């Protein structure tokens, strides 16, 4: 039997992974998480971030799906 335990991603880790992913992908410093929920064995993190679209500030919504090992399985971004 193995002497180690695989650590599963929890609520805080899921938010941390999603926020850092959005910051890196969209090159923004401010990310607002609206909801984080565990659904069907994955974490779904939803929120918004500001973007600059041709010199005009806009908000973009996102949804990031993270598996129990911390790997991003899907991401979706859309203008609000």
Protein backbone atom coordinates (compact mmCIF):
# COMPACT_ATOMS: atom_id res chain seq x y z
CA UNK A 1 0.00 0.00 0.00
CA UNK A 2 1.24 3.49 -0.81
CA UNK A 3 2.48 5.84 1.92
CA UNK A 4 1.40 9.02 0.18
CA UNK A 5 -1.96 10.65 -0.34
CA UNK A 6 -2.91 12.56 -3.47
CA UNK A 7 -4.09 15.97 -2.36
CA UNK A 8 -7.35 16.96 -4.01
CA UNK A 9 -8.12 20.54 -4.99
CA UNK A 10 -10.35 22.38 -2.53
CA UNK A 11 -12.44 25.57 -2.77
CA UNK A 12 -9.54 27.98 -2.11
CA UNK A 13 -7.12 26.17 -4.43
CA UNK A 14 -9.68 26.16 -7.25
CA UNK A 15 -10.14 29.93 -6.93
CA UNK A 16 -6.39 30.50 -6.79
CA UNK A 17 -5.78 28.41 -9.92
CA UNK A 18 -8.58 30.14 -11.85
CA UNK A 19 -7.56 33.68 -10.84
CA UNK A 20 -3.93 33.12 -11.81
CA UNK A 21 -4.97 31.53 -15.11
CA UNK A 22 -7.18 34.53 -16.00
CA UNK A 23 -4.51 37.04 -14.92
CA UNK A 24 -1.93 35.34 -17.13
CA UNK A 25 -4.20 34.71 -20.13
CA UNK A 26 -5.81 38.18 -20.21
CA UNK A 27 -2.83 40.15 -18.84
CA UNK A 28 -4.92 41.82 -16.11
CA UNK A 29 -4.25 42.46 -12.44
CA UNK A 30 -7.86 42.57 -11.21
CA UNK A 31 -10.05 39.46 -11.33
CA UNK A 32 -13.43 39.27 -9.58
CA UNK A 33 -14.64 35.79 -8.66
CA UNK A 34 -18.43 35.67 -8.47
CA UNK A 35 -19.04 32.00 -7.71
CA UNK A 36 -17.01 28.86 -7.08
CA UNK A 37 -18.88 25.57 -7.00
CA UNK A 38 -18.14 21.88 -7.05
CA UNK A 39 -20.19 20.22 -9.77
CA UNK A 40 -19.98 16.68 -11.17
CA UNK A 41 -16.50 16.07 -9.76
CA UNK A 42 -14.95 19.31 -11.03
CA UNK A 43 -14.68 22.88 -9.74
CA UNK A 44 -16.38 25.62 -11.75
CA UNK A 45 -15.13 29.16 -11.11
CA UNK A 46 -17.09 32.06 -12.62
CA UNK A 47 -16.34 35.76 -12.54
CA UNK A 48 -15.37 38.89 -14.42
CA UNK A 49 -12.25 40.79 -15.37
CA UNK A 50 -11.65 44.19 -17.01
CA UNK A 51 -10.30 44.37 -20.55
CA UNK A 52 -9.30 47.20 -22.87
CA UNK A 53 -11.05 46.99 -26.21
CA UNK A 54 -9.66 49.58 -28.64
CA UNK A 55 -9.09 52.08 -25.83
CA UNK A 56 -12.48 51.51 -24.20
CA UNK A 57 -12.87 49.68 -20.87
CA UNK A 58 -15.13 46.62 -20.95
CA UNK A 59 -15.89 43.72 -18.63
CA UNK A 60 -15.42 40.16 -19.71
CA UNK A 61 -17.03 37.22 -17.95
CA UNK A 62 -15.26 33.90 -17.58
CA UNK A 63 -15.92 30.33 -16.56
CA UNK A 64 -13.00 28.05 -15.71
CA UNK A 65 -13.43 24.30 -15.13
CA UNK A 66 -10.77 22.64 -12.95
CA UNK A 67 -10.49 18.92 -12.22
CA UNK A 68 -9.74 17.44 -8.79
CA UNK A 69 -6.01 17.33 -9.56
CA UNK A 70 -5.85 21.06 -10.34
CA UNK A 71 -5.72 20.82 -14.12
CA UNK A 72 -7.75 23.29 -16.17
CA UNK A 73 -10.15 21.26 -18.32
CA UNK A 74 -12.04 24.12 -20.01
CA UNK A 75 -12.25 27.90 -20.13
CA UNK A 76 -14.82 30.24 -21.62
CA UNK A 77 -14.61 34.02 -21.97
CA UNK A 78 -17.33 36.35 -23.26
CA UNK A 79 -17.94 40.10 -23.37
CA UNK A 80 -20.65 41.40 -21.08
